[in-house]
Amino acid sequence: MDQNEVIQKRYNRVAKVYDWMDVIIRDKWRKSVYDGMKGNLLEVGVGTGKNIPFYPKDAFVTGIDFSSNMLAKAKERLEKYPANVRLLLMDAQNMEFEDNTFDGVITTCVFCSVPDPIKGLKEIRRVIKPNGIVRMLEHMRSDQPVMGKMMDVINPLVVNVVGANINRDTMHNLELAGFTLKHEHQILGSMYRLLTLDPNKKVSIFQRTFVVRSLSGLYRR
């Protein structure tokens, strides 16, 4: 069984209780992911559809996920929160879209579990338009030394139970995939980050010099 099948089975297994597991992600964070996004949008890793209530009314959203059980829960949520959306069973590492299709791409805690995260990120860069915006709310290894090491220690347990790597260096993966970081909001000691990215299809250098870091009151409790 390859790694894709292993992760798929784990997410199919936890789909019924995933909303409970995902309770730490606050609604105001989800809403922030979609602030200012419009046009033809793609949500990679739609999961159980927790973002559906926050989809912009004037946008068309395509939501994909590689877990059929997670996608079934998203379809149930769509009945409660109607939106201009289509939901598709699809692997983020091998998207069935043409190049330069979407005005914006959104992810919410997805690239902790994509088996080949760089391949998945390059797929996002392929399907988004050159002037498009990528918005990501991702959890990753904390920059704080003690917290980072703790995440390293417990990561094998989390991977085996859920399928998510809590200590991935997603910032480095974004660099390798060729994105330019425009804005970064750190949340909960940098374990979560709200990122706005430029697909940077002409230049593949990660220009962190231009990062705007913000620890605004929106993310403080």
C-alpha atoms as a PDB file:
ATOM      1  CA  MET A   1       0.000   0.000   0.000  1.00  0.00           C
ATOM      2  CA  ASP A   2       1.482   3.356  -1.021  1.00  0.00           C
ATOM      3  CA  GLN A   3       1.568   6.443   1.211  1.00  0.00           C
ATOM      4  CA  ASN A   4      -1.435   8.023  -0.513  1.00  0.00           C
ATOM      5  CA  GLU A   5      -3.610   5.008   0.283  1.00  0.00           C
ATOM      6  CA  VAL A   6      -2.406   4.954   3.887  1.00  0.00           C
ATOM      7  CA  ILE A   7      -3.327   8.613   4.442  1.00  0.00           C
ATOM      8  CA  GLN A   8      -6.645   8.248   2.607  1.00  0.00           C
ATOM      9  CA  LYS A   9      -7.642   5.344   4.835  1.00  0.00           C
ATOM     10  CA  ARG A  10      -6.760   7.269   7.977  1.00  0.00           C
ATOM     11  CA  TYR A  11      -8.880  10.258   6.957  1.00  0.00           C
ATOM     12  CA  ASN A  12     -11.749   8.021   5.865  1.00  0.00           C
ATOM     13  CA  ARG A  13     -11.557   6.413   9.299  1.00  0.00           C
ATOM     14  CA  VAL A  14     -11.718   9.676  11.278  1.00  0.00           C
ATOM     15  CA  ALA A  15     -14.227  11.525   9.043  1.00  0.00           C
ATOM     16  CA  LYS A  16     -17.162  11.059  11.441  1.00  0.00           C
ATOM     17  CA  VAL A  17     -15.279  12.644  14.355  1.00  0.00           C
ATOM     18  CA  TYR A  18     -13.061  15.047  12.428  1.00  0.00           C
ATOM     19  CA  ASP A  19     -15.141  18.128  13.263  1.00  0.00           C
ATOM     20  CA  TRP A  20     -14.523  17.438  16.936  1.00  0.00           C
ATOM     21  CA  MET A  21     -10.790  16.978  16.306  1.00  0.00           C
ATOM     22  CA  ASP A  22     -10.702  20.236  14.324  1.00  0.00           C
ATOM     23  CA  VAL A  23     -12.346  22.318  17.048  1.00  0.00           C
ATOM     24  CA  ILE A  24      -9.167  24.302  17.752  1.00  0.00           C
ATOM     25  CA  ILE A  25      -9.521  26.146  14.421  1.00  0.00           C
ATOM     26  CA  ARG A  26     -11.678  29.158  15.238  1.00  0.00           C
ATOM     27  CA  ASP A  27     -14.330  30.488  12.906  1.00  0.00           C
ATOM     28  CA  LYS A  28     -12.714  33.936  12.799  1.00  0.00           C
ATOM     29  CA  TRP A  29      -9.543  32.353  11.410  1.00  0.00           C
ATOM     30  CA  ARG A  30     -11.548  30.560   8.724  1.00  0.00           C
ATOM     31  CA  LYS A  31     -13.321  33.791   7.822  1.00  0.00           C
ATOM     32  CA  SER A  32      -9.955  35.560   7.498  1.00  0.00           C
ATOM     33  CA  VAL A  33      -8.785  32.992   4.934  1.00  0.00           C
ATOM     34  CA  TYR A  34     -11.531  34.141   2.558  1.00  0.00           C
ATOM     35  CA  ASP A  35     -11.295  37.904   3.207  1.00  0.00           C
ATOM     36  CA  GLY A  36     -10.920  39.663  -0.147  1.00  0.00           C
ATOM     37  CA  MET A  37     -11.005  36.452  -2.186  1.00  0.00           C
ATOM     38  CA  LYS A  38     -13.267  36.489  -5.243  1.00  0.00           C
ATOM     39  CA  GLY A  39     -13.831  35.009  -8.680  1.00  0.00           C
ATOM     40  CA  ASN A  40     -13.145  31.378  -9.545  1.00  0.00           C
ATOM     41  CA  LEU A  41     -11.699  29.844  -6.363  1.00  0.00           C
ATOM     42  CA  LEU A  42     -10.244  26.457  -5.482  1.00  0.00           C
ATOM     43  CA  GLU A  43     -10.204  25.033  -1.967  1.00  0.00           C
ATOM     44  CA  VAL A  44      -7.642  22.257  -1.722  1.00  0.00           C
ATOM     45  CA  GLY A  45      -8.468  19.758   1.005  1.00  0.00           C
ATOM     46  CA  VAL A  46     -12.051  20.817   1.640  1.00  0.00           C
ATOM     47  CA  GLY A  47     -12.347  18.107   4.303  1.00  0.00           C
ATOM     48  CA  THR A  48     -15.736  18.054   6.032  1.00  0.00           C
ATOM     49  CA  GLY A  49     -16.573  21.488   4.642  1.00  0.00           C
ATOM     50  CA  LYS A  50     -15.977  23.577   7.762  1.00  0.00           C
ATOM     51  CA  ASN A  51     -15.119  26.576   5.536  1.00  0.00           C
ATOM     52  CA  ILE A  52     -18.338  26.408   3.494  1.00  0.00           C
ATOM     53  CA  PRO A  53     -20.236  28.950   5.677  1.00  0.00           C
ATOM     54  CA  PHE A  54     -17.495  31.494   4.885  1.00  0.00           C
ATOM     55  CA  TYR A  55     -17.387  31.137   1.103  1.00  0.00           C
ATOM     56  CA  PRO A  56     -17.803  34.555  -0.595  1.00  0.00           C
ATOM     57  CA  LYS A  57     -21.298  34.953  -2.034  1.00  0.00           C
ATOM     58  CA  ASP A  58     -19.959  36.421  -5.289  1.00  0.00           C
ATOM     59  CA  ALA A  59     -17.434  33.629  -5.911  1.00  0.00           C
ATOM     60  CA  PHE A  60     -17.616  30.165  -7.430  1.00  0.00           C
ATOM     61  CA  VAL A  61     -15.703  27.641  -5.315  1.00  0.00           C
ATOM     62  CA  THR A  62     -14.404  24.242  -6.355  1.00  0.00           C
ATOM     63  CA  GLY A  63     -13.595  22.114  -3.321  1.00  0.00           C
ATOM     64  CA  ILE A  64     -11.452  18.993  -3.656  1.00  0.00           C
ATOM     65  CA  ASP A  65     -10.447  16.236  -1.244  1.00  0.00           C
ATOM     66  CA  PHE A  66      -8.923  12.780  -1.644  1.00  0.00           C
ATOM     67  CA  SER A  67     -10.984  11.241   1.181  1.00  0.00           C
ATOM     68  CA  SER A  68     -14.426  10.115   0.023  1.00  0.00           C
ATOM     69  CA  ASN A  69     -15.760   9.989   3.592  1.00  0.00           C
ATOM     70  CA  MET A  70     -14.589  13.525   4.348  1.00  0.00           C
ATOM     71  CA  LEU A  71     -16.145  14.714   1.102  1.00  0.00           C
ATOM     72  CA  ALA A  72     -19.452  13.059   2.023  1.00  0.00           C
ATOM     73  CA  LYS A  73     -19.519  15.094   5.250  1.00  0.00           C
ATOM     74  CA  ALA A  74     -18.823  18.260   3.244  1.00  0.00           C
ATOM     75  CA  LYS A  75     -21.800  17.497   1.002  1.00  0.00           C
ATOM     76  CA  GLU A  76     -23.988  17.144   4.099  1.00  0.00           C
ATOM     77  CA  ARG A  77     -22.803  20.541   5.328  1.00  0.00           C
ATOM     78  CA  LEU A  78     -23.527  22.070   1.937  1.00  0.00           C
ATOM     79  CA  GLU A  79     -27.205  21.166   2.419  1.00  0.00           C
ATOM     80  CA  LYS A  80     -27.230  23.350   5.537  1.00  0.00           C
ATOM     81  CA  TYR A  81     -25.133  26.187   4.072  1.00  0.00           C
ATOM     82  CA  PRO A  82     -25.980  26.477   0.351  1.00  0.00           C
ATOM     83  CA  ALA A  83     -23.158  27.993  -1.679  1.00  0.00           C
ATOM     84  CA  ASN A  84     -22.047  28.353  -5.280  1.00  0.00           C
ATOM     85  CA  VAL A  85     -19.744  25.354  -5.100  1.00  0.00           C
ATOM     86  CA  ARG A  86     -18.881  22.003  -6.611  1.00  0.00           C
ATOM     87  CA  LEU A  87     -17.197  19.261  -4.577  1.00  0.00           C
ATOM     88  CA  LEU A  88     -14.864  16.799  -6.288  1.00  0.00           C
ATOM     89  CA  LEU A  89     -12.913  13.716  -5.228  1.00  0.00           C
ATOM     90  CA  MET A  90      -9.372  14.559  -6.300  1.00  0.00           C
ATOM     91  CA  ASP A  91      -5.748  14.245  -5.196  1.00  0.00           C
ATOM     92  CA  ALA A  92      -4.022  17.580  -4.506  1.00  0.00           C
ATOM     93  CA  GLN A  93      -0.803  16.099  -5.907  1.00  0.00           C
ATOM     94  CA  ASN A  94      -2.398  15.353  -9.300  1.00  0.00           C
ATOM     95  CA  MET A  95      -5.135  17.889 -10.017  1.00  0.00           C
ATOM     96  CA  GLU A  96      -7.341  17.424 -13.055  1.00  0.00           C
ATOM     97  CA  PHE A  97      -7.461  21.122 -13.961  1.00  0.00           C
ATOM     98  CA  GLU A  98      -5.893  23.075 -16.780  1.00  0.00           C
ATOM     99  CA  ASP A  99      -2.991  25.427 -16.117  1.00  0.00           C
ATOM    100  CA  ASN A 100      -3.929  28.964 -14.984  1.00  0.00           C
ATOM    101  CA  THR A 101      -7.541  28.081 -14.120  1.00  0.00           C
ATOM    102  CA  PHE A 102      -8.212  29.756 -10.766  1.00  0.00           C
ATOM    103  CA  ASP A 103      -8.224  33.334  -9.483  1.00  0.00           C
ATOM    104  CA  GLY A 104      -7.482  32.166  -5.965  1.00  0.00           C
ATOM    105  CA  VAL A 105      -6.544  29.005  -4.063  1.00  0.00           C
ATOM    106  CA  ILE A 106      -7.291  28.349  -0.394  1.00  0.00           C
ATOM    107  CA  THR A 107      -6.027  25.694   2.023  1.00  0.00           C
ATOM    108  CA  THR A 108      -6.836  25.168   5.686  1.00  0.00           C
ATOM    109  CA  CYS A 109      -4.571  22.763   7.586  1.00  0.00           C
ATOM    110  CA  VAL A 110      -3.951  20.623   4.512  1.00  0.00           C
ATOM    111  CA  PHE A 111      -0.217  20.492   3.873  1.00  0.00           C
ATOM    112  CA  CYS A 112       0.476  18.668   7.094  1.00  0.00           C
ATOM    113  CA  SER A 113      -1.064  15.574   5.504  1.00  0.00           C
ATOM    114  CA  VAL A 114      -0.346  15.720   1.756  1.00  0.00           C
ATOM    115  CA  PRO A 115       2.105  12.804   1.259  1.00  0.00           C
ATOM    116  CA  ASP A 116       4.331  14.831  -1.097  1.00  0.00           C
ATOM    117  CA  PRO A 117       3.748  18.442   0.000  1.00  0.00           C
ATOM    118  CA  ILE A 118       6.110  20.027  -2.531  1.00  0.00           C
ATOM    119  CA  LYS A 119       4.391  18.223  -5.388  1.00  0.00           C
ATOM    120  CA  GLY A 120       1.012  19.418  -4.093  1.00  0.00           C
ATOM    121  CA  LEU A 121       2.233  23.004  -3.762  1.00  0.00           C
ATOM    122  CA  LYS A 122       3.625  22.941  -7.286  1.00  0.00           C
ATOM    123  CA  GLU A 123       0.218  21.760  -8.496  1.00  0.00           C
ATOM    124  CA  ILE A 124      -1.384  24.792  -6.829  1.00  0.00           C
ATOM    125  CA  ARG A 125       1.167  27.020  -8.531  1.00  0.00           C
ATOM    126  CA  ARG A 126       0.331  25.367 -11.856  1.00  0.00           C
ATOM    127  CA  VAL A 127      -3.469  25.747 -11.698  1.00  0.00           C
ATOM    128  CA  ILE A 128      -3.608  29.306 -10.365  1.00  0.00           C
ATOM    129  CA  LYS A 129      -3.493  32.293 -12.708  1.00  0.00           C
ATOM    130  CA  PRO A 130      -0.245  34.346 -12.768  1.00  0.00           C
ATOM    131  CA  ASN A 131      -1.992  37.244 -10.985  1.00  0.00           C
ATOM    132  CA  GLY A 132      -3.874  34.979  -8.579  1.00  0.00           C
ATOM    133  CA  ILE A 133      -3.669  34.869  -4.790  1.00  0.00           C
ATOM    134  CA  VAL A 134      -3.011  31.840  -2.595  1.00  0.00           C
ATOM    135  CA  ARG A 135      -4.304  32.039   0.985  1.00  0.00           C
ATOM    136  CA  MET A 136      -3.278  29.350   3.456  1.00  0.00           C
ATOM    137  CA  LEU A 137      -4.089  28.728   7.110  1.00  0.00           C
ATOM    138  CA  GLU A 138      -1.630  25.987   7.990  1.00  0.00           C
ATOM    139  CA  HIS A 139      -0.220  24.437  11.121  1.00  0.00           C
ATOM    140  CA  MET A 140       3.466  23.587  11.112  1.00  0.00           C
ATOM    141  CA  ARG A 141       6.509  23.179  13.318  1.00  0.00           C
ATOM    142  CA  SER A 142       6.777  26.053  15.778  1.00  0.00           C
ATOM    143  CA  ASP A 143       9.762  28.405  15.605  1.00  0.00           C
ATOM    144  CA  GLN A 144       9.964  28.277  19.399  1.00  0.00           C
ATOM    145  CA  PRO A 145      12.747  25.796  20.277  1.00  0.00           C
ATOM    146  CA  VAL A 146      11.020  23.953  23.139  1.00  0.00           C
ATOM    147  CA  MET A 147       7.640  23.769  21.405  1.00  0.00           C
ATOM    148  CA  GLY A 148       9.273  22.678  18.156  1.00  0.00           C
ATOM    149  CA  LYS A 149      11.081  19.776  19.844  1.00  0.00           C
ATOM    150  CA  MET A 150       7.888  18.716  21.627  1.00  0.00           C
ATOM    151  CA  MET A 151       6.123  18.601  18.269  1.00  0.00           C
ATOM    152  CA  ASP A 152       8.950  16.447  16.885  1.00  0.00           C
ATOM    153  CA  VAL A 153       8.532  13.964  19.743  1.00  0.00           C
ATOM    154  CA  ILE A 154       4.768  13.485  19.442  1.00  0.00           C
ATOM    155  CA  ASN A 155       4.587  13.688  15.643  1.00  0.00           C
ATOM    156  CA  PRO A 156       4.873   9.897  15.017  1.00  0.00           C
ATOM    157  CA  LEU A 157       1.835   9.275  17.234  1.00  0.00           C
ATOM    158  CA  VAL A 158      -0.265  11.923  15.483  1.00  0.00           C
ATOM    159  CA  VAL A 159       0.732  10.657  12.035  1.00  0.00           C
ATOM    160  CA  ASN A 160      -0.247   7.080  12.874  1.00  0.00           C
ATOM    161  CA  VAL A 161      -3.605   8.038  14.382  1.00  0.00           C
ATOM    162  CA  VAL A 162      -4.750  10.852  12.095  1.00  0.00           C
ATOM    163  CA  GLY A 163      -2.336  11.091   9.185  1.00  0.00           C
ATOM    164  CA  ALA A 164      -1.188  14.654   9.838  1.00  0.00           C
ATOM    165  CA  ASN A 165       2.429  15.697  10.375  1.00  0.00           C
ATOM    166  CA  ILE A 166       2.413  18.446  13.002  1.00  0.00           C
ATOM    167  CA  ASN A 167       6.099  19.306  12.573  1.00  0.00           C
ATOM    168  CA  ARG A 168       6.408  19.940   8.846  1.00  0.00           C
ATOM    169  CA  ASP A 169       8.568  22.846   7.694  1.00  0.00           C
ATOM    170  CA  THR A 170       5.881  24.239   5.408  1.00  0.00           C
ATOM    171  CA  MET A 171       7.641  27.584   5.016  1.00  0.00           C
ATOM    172  CA  HIS A 172      10.650  25.837   3.487  1.00  0.00           C
ATOM    173  CA  ASN A 173       8.378  23.699   1.301  1.00  0.00           C
ATOM    174  CA  LEU A 174       6.748  26.865  -0.040  1.00  0.00           C
ATOM    175  CA  GLU A 175      10.195  28.195  -0.883  1.00  0.00           C
ATOM    176  CA  LEU A 176      11.064  25.021  -2.765  1.00  0.00           C
ATOM    177  CA  ALA A 177       7.763  25.183  -4.657  1.00  0.00           C
ATOM    178  CA  GLY A 178       8.564  28.716  -5.843  1.00  0.00           C
ATOM    179  CA  PHE A 179       6.035  30.915  -4.016  1.00  0.00           C
ATOM    180  CA  THR A 180       6.592  34.492  -2.868  1.00  0.00           C
ATOM    181  CA  LEU A 181       5.347  35.218   0.649  1.00  0.00           C
ATOM    182  CA  LYS A 182       3.413  38.490   0.817  1.00  0.00           C
ATOM    183  CA  HIS A 183       1.884  38.428   4.308  1.00  0.00           C
ATOM    184  CA  GLU A 184       2.263  36.202   7.349  1.00  0.00           C
ATOM    185  CA  HIS A 185       0.177  36.210  10.546  1.00  0.00           C
ATOM    186  CA  GLN A 186       1.539  33.954  13.273  1.00  0.00           C
ATOM    187  CA  ILE A 187      -0.976  32.306  15.591  1.00  0.00           C
ATOM    188  CA  LEU A 188      -0.453  30.375  18.830  1.00  0.00           C
ATOM    189  CA  GLY A 189       3.303  30.696  18.981  1.00  0.00           C
ATOM    190  CA  SER A 190       3.792  30.203  15.229  1.00  0.00           C
ATOM    191  CA  MET A 191       2.206  26.721  15.279  1.00  0.00           C
ATOM    192  CA  TYR A 192      -0.463  28.155  12.976  1.00  0.00           C
ATOM    193  CA  ARG A 193       0.146  30.733  10.279  1.00  0.00           C
ATOM    194  CA  LEU A 194      -2.185  32.638   7.998  1.00  0.00           C
ATOM    195  CA  LEU A 195      -0.253  33.184   4.780  1.00  0.00           C
ATOM    196  CA  THR A 196      -0.935  35.213   1.657  1.00  0.00           C
ATOM    197  CA  LEU A 197       1.192  34.051  -1.252  1.00  0.00           C
ATOM    198  CA  ASP A 198       1.963  35.180  -4.769  1.00  0.00           C
ATOM    199  CA  PRO A 199       2.360  32.264  -7.236  1.00  0.00           C
ATOM    200  CA  ASN A 200       5.354  34.153  -8.598  1.00  0.00           C
ATOM    201  CA  LYS A 201       5.337  32.363 -11.922  1.00  0.00           C
ATOM    202  CA  LYS A 202       8.131  34.523 -13.346  1.00  0.00           C
ATOM    203  CA  VAL A 203      10.542  34.287 -10.415  1.00  0.00           C
ATOM    204  CA  SER A 204      10.996  31.296  -8.093  1.00  0.00           C
ATOM    205  CA  ILE A 205      12.755  32.964  -5.183  1.00  0.00           C
ATOM    206  CA  PHE A 206      11.081  33.127  -1.769  1.00  0.00           C
ATOM    207  CA  GLN A 207      11.328  36.839  -0.991  1.00  0.00           C
ATOM    208  CA  ARG A 208      10.846  36.820   2.758  1.00  0.00           C
ATOM    209  CA  THR A 209      12.406  40.287   2.860  1.00  0.00           C
ATOM    210  CA  PHE A 210       8.959  41.593   1.953  1.00  0.00           C
ATOM    211  CA  VAL A 211       7.068  39.679   4.621  1.00  0.00           C
ATOM    212  CA  VAL A 212       4.556  41.683   6.625  1.00  0.00           C
ATOM    213  CA  ARG A 213       4.338  40.024  10.016  1.00  0.00           C
ATOM    214  CA  SER A 214       1.305  40.772  12.109  1.00  0.00           C
ATOM    215  CA  LEU A 215       0.280  39.613  15.549  1.00  0.00           C
ATOM    216  CA  SER A 216      -2.902  41.668  15.437  1.00  0.00           C
ATOM    217  CA  GLY A 217      -5.617  41.584  18.043  1.00  0.00           C
ATOM    218  CA  LEU A 218      -7.673  39.386  15.713  1.00  0.00           C
ATOM    219  CA  TYR A 219      -5.505  36.431  16.763  1.00  0.00           C
ATOM    220  CA  ARG A 220      -5.116  37.258  20.425  1.00  0.00           C
ATOM    221  CA  ARG A 221      -7.359  35.923  23.100  1.00  0.00           C
END
